Amino acid sequence: MRALYPRTEHLPGIEDTDLSGFLVRYQRESTFLMWLGLMAGTFVFIASPLLTIYIPLPSFLLSERQLDRHASRVAGSSIYLLRQAIFLIKLAAGLCWGADPSVRKRFAMEPYAADPGTWRT
């Protein structure tokens, strides 16, 4: 997720949010298939640098520059199943990133109110 939502000079990255807390809640509150999709997408991201930047290493062993190139290429891949697997990661990451108060502040939006915890799957 950090490679797909990096920090920029104008916006915080997903590493600036409570990603760990979000993932715990996401696993607890989402369906099994949503969690499975996120894990499958993560596996695809880790295993696919050979297909995107032609380096036979898992993504977590790439340099920062290589990881950025891999993230860019895998998200826009012409291989539909590869691109869709990465979309599952970006979907969950976007929920975390977009709900963060510091991100919302950058877009002149009020922070979300506390979750009332009234609806669960």
N, C-alpha and C. Protein backbone atom coordinates (compact mmCIF):
# COMPACT_ATOMS: atom_id res chain seq x y z
N MET A 1 0.82 -1.19 0.00
CA MET A 1 0.00 0.00 0.00
C MET A 1 0.87 1.26 0.00
N ARG A 2 1.99 1.18 0.70
CA ARG A 2 2.87 2.36 0.75
C ARG A 2 3.44 2.70 -0.62
N ALA A 3 3.67 1.70 -1.45
CA ALA A 3 4.19 1.95 -2.79
C ALA A 3 3.13 2.54 -3.70
N LEU A 4 1.87 2.22 -3.45
CA LEU A 4 0.78 2.69 -4.30
C LEU A 4 0.24 4.05 -3.86
N TYR A 5 0.42 4.41 -2.61
CA TYR A 5 -0.02 5.72 -2.07
C TYR A 5 1.16 6.39 -1.37
N PRO A 6 2.19 6.81 -2.14
CA PRO A 6 3.37 7.41 -1.52
C PRO A 6 3.12 8.85 -1.07
N ARG A 7 3.94 9.31 -0.17
CA ARG A 7 3.92 10.71 0.28
C ARG A 7 4.46 11.58 -0.86
N THR A 8 3.85 12.75 -1.03
CA THR A 8 4.35 13.73 -1.99
C THR A 8 4.61 15.03 -1.25
N GLU A 9 5.11 16.02 -1.95
CA GLU A 9 5.36 17.30 -1.29
C GLU A 9 4.07 18.01 -0.90
N HIS A 10 2.96 17.64 -1.52
CA HIS A 10 1.68 18.30 -1.25
C HIS A 10 0.71 17.47 -0.43
N LEU A 11 0.85 16.16 -0.45
CA LEU A 11 -0.10 15.29 0.23
C LEU A 11 0.61 14.25 1.08
N PRO A 12 0.02 13.90 2.22
CA PRO A 12 0.59 12.81 3.02
C PRO A 12 0.41 11.48 2.30
N GLY A 13 1.28 10.55 2.56
CA GLY A 13 1.15 9.21 2.01
C GLY A 13 0.39 8.32 2.97
N ILE A 14 0.15 7.11 2.56
CA ILE A 14 -0.58 6.20 3.42
C ILE A 14 0.25 5.83 4.65
N GLU A 15 1.57 5.96 4.57
CA GLU A 15 2.40 5.69 5.75
C GLU A 15 2.19 6.72 6.85
N ASP A 16 1.56 7.85 6.51
CA ASP A 16 1.26 8.89 7.50
C ASP A 16 -0.09 8.68 8.18
N THR A 17 -0.79 7.62 7.81
CA THR A 17 -2.09 7.32 8.40
C THR A 17 -1.96 6.18 9.40
N ASP A 18 -3.05 5.84 10.04
CA ASP A 18 -3.06 4.68 10.95
C ASP A 18 -3.35 3.42 10.14
N LEU A 19 -2.42 3.04 9.30
CA LEU A 19 -2.60 1.90 8.41
C LEU A 19 -2.77 0.59 9.18
N SER A 20 -1.98 0.39 10.20
CA SER A 20 -2.09 -0.86 10.98
C SER A 20 -3.46 -0.99 11.62
N GLY A 21 -3.92 0.08 12.24
CA GLY A 21 -5.25 0.07 12.85
C GLY A 21 -6.35 -0.15 11.82
N PHE A 22 -6.18 0.47 10.64
CA PHE A 22 -7.17 0.30 9.57
C PHE A 22 -7.23 -1.15 9.13
N LEU A 23 -6.07 -1.78 8.94
CA LEU A 23 -6.06 -3.17 8.47
C LEU A 23 -6.70 -4.12 9.48
N VAL A 24 -6.49 -3.87 10.75
CA VAL A 24 -7.15 -4.69 11.78
C VAL A 24 -8.66 -4.53 11.67
N ARG A 25 -9.14 -3.30 11.55
CA ARG A 25 -10.59 -3.05 11.40
C ARG A 25 -11.11 -3.62 10.09
N TYR A 26 -10.35 -3.47 9.02
CA TYR A 26 -10.77 -3.96 7.71
C TYR A 26 -10.96 -5.48 7.74
N GLN A 27 -10.03 -6.18 8.35
CA GLN A 27 -10.16 -7.63 8.44
C GLN A 27 -11.37 -8.01 9.30
N ARG A 28 -11.56 -7.32 10.38
CA ARG A 28 -12.65 -7.63 11.30
C ARG A 28 -14.01 -7.30 10.70
N GLU A 29 -14.10 -6.20 9.96
CA GLU A 29 -15.40 -5.70 9.51
C GLU A 29 -15.76 -6.05 8.07
N SER A 30 -14.81 -6.50 7.29
CA SER A 30 -15.13 -6.84 5.90
C SER A 30 -15.49 -8.31 5.79
N THR A 31 -15.95 -8.68 4.61
CA THR A 31 -16.28 -10.08 4.38
C THR A 31 -15.00 -10.88 4.13
N PHE A 32 -15.12 -12.17 4.23
CA PHE A 32 -13.97 -13.04 3.98
C PHE A 32 -13.45 -12.84 2.56
N LEU A 33 -14.34 -12.70 1.58
CA LEU A 33 -13.90 -12.53 0.20
C LEU A 33 -13.16 -11.22 -0.02
N MET A 34 -13.58 -10.16 0.67
CA MET A 34 -12.86 -8.89 0.55
C MET A 34 -11.45 -9.02 1.13
N TRP A 35 -11.34 -9.67 2.27
CA TRP A 35 -10.03 -9.87 2.89
C TRP A 35 -9.16 -10.77 2.02
N LEU A 36 -9.75 -11.83 1.49
CA LEU A 36 -9.03 -12.73 0.61
C LEU A 36 -8.54 -12.00 -0.64
N GLY A 37 -9.38 -11.13 -1.20
CA GLY A 37 -8.98 -10.34 -2.36
C GLY A 37 -7.81 -9.44 -2.06
N LEU A 38 -7.82 -8.81 -0.89
CA LEU A 38 -6.70 -7.95 -0.49
C LEU A 38 -5.42 -8.76 -0.35
N MET A 39 -5.52 -9.94 0.25
CA MET A 39 -4.33 -10.79 0.42
C MET A 39 -3.84 -11.31 -0.93
N ALA A 40 -4.76 -11.67 -1.82
CA ALA A 40 -4.37 -12.14 -3.15
C ALA A 40 -3.71 -11.01 -3.94
N GLY A 41 -4.28 -9.81 -3.87
CA GLY A 41 -3.68 -8.67 -4.54
C GLY A 41 -2.29 -8.36 -4.02
N THR A 42 -2.13 -8.50 -2.71
CA THR A 42 -0.81 -8.27 -2.10
C THR A 42 0.20 -9.29 -2.61
N PHE A 43 -0.22 -10.54 -2.69
CA PHE A 43 0.68 -11.57 -3.22
C PHE A 43 1.07 -11.26 -4.66
N VAL A 44 0.11 -10.86 -5.47
CA VAL A 44 0.39 -10.51 -6.87
C VAL A 44 1.37 -9.34 -6.93
N PHE A 45 1.17 -8.32 -6.11
CA PHE A 45 2.08 -7.17 -6.11
C PHE A 45 3.49 -7.60 -5.75
N ILE A 46 3.61 -8.45 -4.73
CA ILE A 46 4.93 -8.92 -4.29
C ILE A 46 5.61 -9.75 -5.37
N ALA A 47 4.85 -10.59 -6.05
CA ALA A 47 5.43 -11.55 -6.99
C ALA A 47 5.60 -11.04 -8.42
N SER A 48 5.07 -9.89 -8.75
CA SER A 48 5.03 -9.49 -10.16
C SER A 48 6.12 -8.56 -10.69
N PRO A 49 7.16 -8.20 -9.95
CA PRO A 49 8.20 -7.37 -10.57
C PRO A 49 8.84 -8.00 -11.80
N LEU A 50 8.86 -9.31 -11.87
CA LEU A 50 9.40 -9.96 -13.06
C LEU A 50 8.59 -9.60 -14.30
N LEU A 51 7.28 -9.43 -14.14
CA LEU A 51 6.41 -9.09 -15.27
C LEU A 51 6.42 -7.61 -15.61
N THR A 52 6.73 -6.77 -14.65
CA THR A 52 6.61 -5.32 -14.88
C THR A 52 7.94 -4.64 -15.16
N ILE A 53 8.96 -4.95 -14.36
CA ILE A 53 10.26 -4.28 -14.55
C ILE A 53 11.37 -5.28 -14.85
N TYR A 54 10.98 -6.54 -15.06
CA TYR A 54 11.90 -7.60 -15.50
C TYR A 54 13.03 -7.87 -14.52
N ILE A 55 12.70 -7.78 -13.24
CA ILE A 55 13.67 -8.08 -12.18
C ILE A 55 13.09 -9.24 -11.37
N PRO A 56 13.82 -10.35 -11.26
CA PRO A 56 13.29 -11.53 -10.57
C PRO A 56 13.44 -11.47 -9.04
N LEU A 57 12.88 -10.43 -8.46
CA LEU A 57 12.91 -10.27 -7.00
C LEU A 57 11.50 -9.96 -6.53
N PRO A 58 11.18 -10.31 -5.29
CA PRO A 58 9.89 -9.86 -4.74
C PRO A 58 9.93 -8.35 -4.52
N SER A 59 8.78 -7.73 -4.54
CA SER A 59 8.73 -6.26 -4.49
C SER A 59 9.37 -5.69 -3.23
N PHE A 60 9.34 -6.43 -2.12
CA PHE A 60 9.91 -5.88 -0.88
C PHE A 60 11.44 -5.87 -0.89
N LEU A 61 12.08 -6.46 -1.89
CA LEU A 61 13.54 -6.41 -2.02
C LEU A 61 14.00 -5.40 -3.06
N LEU A 62 13.09 -4.71 -3.69
CA LEU A 62 13.45 -3.72 -4.71
C LEU A 62 13.93 -2.42 -4.07
N SER A 63 14.75 -1.69 -4.82
CA SER A 63 15.15 -0.37 -4.35
C SER A 63 13.93 0.56 -4.43
N GLU A 64 14.03 1.71 -3.83
CA GLU A 64 12.91 2.66 -3.84
C GLU A 64 12.53 3.06 -5.27
N ARG A 65 13.51 3.30 -6.09
CA ARG A 65 13.27 3.67 -7.49
C ARG A 65 12.61 2.52 -8.25
N GLN A 66 13.12 1.30 -8.08
CA GLN A 66 12.53 0.13 -8.74
C GLN A 66 11.11 -0.12 -8.25
N LEU A 67 10.89 0.04 -6.96
CA LEU A 67 9.56 -0.17 -6.40
C LEU A 67 8.56 0.84 -6.96
N ASP A 68 8.99 2.07 -7.12
CA ASP A 68 8.12 3.10 -7.70
C ASP A 68 7.77 2.75 -9.15
N ARG A 69 8.76 2.32 -9.92
CA ARG A 69 8.50 1.91 -11.30
C ARG A 69 7.56 0.71 -11.36
N HIS A 70 7.78 -0.26 -10.48
CA HIS A 70 6.93 -1.45 -10.43
C HIS A 70 5.49 -1.05 -10.08
N ALA A 71 5.31 -0.22 -9.07
CA ALA A 71 3.96 0.19 -8.66
C ALA A 71 3.24 0.91 -9.80
N SER A 72 3.95 1.75 -10.50
CA SER A 72 3.34 2.47 -11.61
C SER A 72 2.95 1.53 -12.74
N ARG A 73 3.83 0.63 -13.08
CA ARG A 73 3.57 -0.28 -14.20
C ARG A 73 2.52 -1.33 -13.87
N VAL A 74 2.54 -1.85 -12.66
CA VAL A 74 1.58 -2.91 -12.32
C VAL A 74 0.16 -2.34 -12.24
N ALA A 75 0.02 -1.11 -11.78
CA ALA A 75 -1.32 -0.50 -11.68
C ALA A 75 -1.90 -0.19 -13.05
N GLY A 76 -1.07 -0.03 -14.05
CA GLY A 76 -1.55 0.27 -15.39
C GLY A 76 -1.27 -0.85 -16.38
N SER A 77 -1.07 -2.05 -15.87
CA SER A 77 -0.73 -3.18 -16.72
C SER A 77 -1.80 -3.48 -17.76
N SER A 78 -1.37 -3.96 -18.91
CA SER A 78 -2.33 -4.37 -19.94
C SER A 78 -2.89 -5.76 -19.65
N ILE A 79 -2.31 -6.45 -18.68
CA ILE A 79 -2.84 -7.76 -18.26
C ILE A 79 -3.97 -7.49 -17.28
N TYR A 80 -5.17 -7.75 -17.72
CA TYR A 80 -6.37 -7.37 -16.96
C TYR A 80 -6.38 -7.96 -15.55
N LEU A 81 -6.11 -9.24 -15.39
CA LEU A 81 -6.17 -9.86 -14.06
C LEU A 81 -5.11 -9.29 -13.12
N LEU A 82 -3.98 -8.95 -13.65
CA LEU A 82 -2.93 -8.32 -12.85
C LEU A 82 -3.39 -6.94 -12.37
N ARG A 83 -3.92 -6.16 -13.29
CA ARG A 83 -4.41 -4.82 -12.94
C ARG A 83 -5.55 -4.88 -11.94
N GLN A 84 -6.45 -5.84 -12.09
CA GLN A 84 -7.58 -5.97 -11.16
C GLN A 84 -7.13 -6.40 -9.77
N ALA A 85 -6.12 -7.25 -9.70
CA ALA A 85 -5.60 -7.67 -8.39
C ALA A 85 -5.02 -6.46 -7.65
N ILE A 86 -4.34 -5.59 -8.37
CA ILE A 86 -3.77 -4.39 -7.75
C ILE A 86 -4.87 -3.42 -7.37
N PHE A 87 -5.95 -3.39 -8.14
CA PHE A 87 -7.08 -2.53 -7.80
C PHE A 87 -7.64 -2.90 -6.43
N LEU A 88 -7.63 -4.17 -6.07
CA LEU A 88 -8.13 -4.58 -4.76
C LEU A 88 -7.30 -3.96 -3.63
N ILE A 89 -6.01 -3.86 -3.84
CA ILE A 89 -5.15 -3.20 -2.85
C ILE A 89 -5.45 -1.71 -2.82
N LYS A 90 -5.54 -1.10 -4.00
CA LYS A 90 -5.79 0.34 -4.07
C LYS A 90 -7.15 0.72 -3.49
N LEU A 91 -8.12 -0.16 -3.62
CA LEU A 91 -9.44 0.10 -3.05
C LEU A 91 -9.36 0.20 -1.53
N ALA A 92 -8.76 -0.80 -0.90
CA ALA A 92 -8.63 -0.78 0.56
C ALA A 92 -7.74 0.37 1.01
N ALA A 93 -6.64 0.60 0.31
CA ALA A 93 -5.73 1.69 0.68
C ALA A 93 -6.43 3.04 0.56
N GLY A 94 -7.24 3.20 -0.46
CA GLY A 94 -7.97 4.45 -0.65
C GLY A 94 -8.96 4.71 0.46
N LEU A 95 -9.58 3.65 0.98
CA LEU A 95 -10.50 3.81 2.11
C LEU A 95 -9.75 4.34 3.33
N CYS A 96 -8.57 3.81 3.56
CA CYS A 96 -7.75 4.24 4.70
C CYS A 96 -7.25 5.66 4.49
N TRP A 97 -6.65 5.91 3.34
CA TRP A 97 -6.03 7.21 3.06
C TRP A 97 -7.06 8.33 3.02
N GLY A 98 -8.17 8.10 2.34
CA GLY A 98 -9.18 9.14 2.18
C GLY A 98 -9.93 9.48 3.45
N ALA A 99 -9.93 8.59 4.43
CA ALA A 99 -10.63 8.85 5.68
C ALA A 99 -9.73 9.51 6.72
N ASP A 100 -8.44 9.59 6.44
CA ASP A 100 -7.51 10.16 7.41
C ASP A 100 -7.75 11.67 7.57
N PRO A 101 -7.80 12.16 8.81
CA PRO A 101 -8.06 13.59 9.04
C PRO A 101 -7.05 14.53 8.36
N SER A 102 -5.78 14.14 8.33
CA SER A 102 -4.78 15.02 7.70
C SER A 102 -4.98 15.10 6.19
N VAL A 103 -5.39 14.03 5.58
CA VAL A 103 -5.68 14.03 4.14
C VAL A 103 -6.92 14.86 3.86
N ARG A 104 -7.96 14.65 4.64
CA ARG A 104 -9.20 15.39 4.46
C ARG A 104 -8.96 16.90 4.65
N LYS A 105 -8.09 17.25 5.59
CA LYS A 105 -7.77 18.66 5.81
C LYS A 105 -7.11 19.28 4.58
N ARG A 106 -6.25 18.53 3.90
CA ARG A 106 -5.59 19.04 2.69
C ARG A 106 -6.59 19.33 1.57
N PHE A 107 -7.74 18.67 1.61
CA PHE A 107 -8.79 18.91 0.62
C PHE A 107 -9.90 19.80 1.17
N ALA A 108 -9.61 20.49 2.28
CA ALA A 108 -10.55 21.40 2.93
C ALA A 108 -11.86 20.71 3.30
N MET A 109 -11.74 19.50 3.82
CA MET A 109 -12.91 18.73 4.23
C MET A 109 -12.84 18.49 5.74
N GLU A 110 -13.99 18.44 6.36
CA GLU A 110 -14.07 18.15 7.78
C GLU A 110 -13.69 16.69 8.03
N PRO A 111 -13.06 16.40 9.16
CA PRO A 111 -12.78 14.99 9.49
C PRO A 111 -14.09 14.23 9.70
N TYR A 112 -14.05 12.95 9.43
CA TYR A 112 -15.21 12.11 9.70
C TYR A 112 -15.49 12.06 11.19
N ALA A 113 -16.77 11.96 11.54
CA ALA A 113 -17.14 11.75 12.94
C ALA A 113 -16.72 10.33 13.34
N ALA A 114 -16.67 10.09 14.63
CA ALA A 114 -16.30 8.76 15.12
C ALA A 114 -17.32 7.72 14.62
N ASP A 115 -16.82 6.54 14.32
CA ASP A 115 -17.67 5.45 13.85
C ASP A 115 -18.61 5.02 14.96
N PRO A 116 -19.93 5.06 14.72
CA PRO A 116 -20.87 4.65 15.77
C PRO A 116 -20.89 3.15 16.00
N GLY A 117 -20.33 2.38 15.06
CA GLY A 117 -20.25 0.93 15.24
C GLY A 117 -21.61 0.23 15.20
N THR A 118 -22.54 0.79 14.44
CA THR A 118 -23.89 0.22 14.44
C THR A 118 -24.15 -0.78 13.32
N TRP A 119 -23.30 -0.85 12.31
CA TRP A 119 -23.53 -1.78 11.22
C TRP A 119 -22.29 -2.61 10.98
N ARG A 120 -22.46 -3.88 10.90
CA ARG A 120 -21.35 -4.79 10.64
C ARG A 120 -21.81 -5.85 9.65
N THR A 121 -20.86 -6.34 8.85
CA THR A 121 -21.19 -7.41 7.90
C THR A 121 -21.20 -8.75 8.61
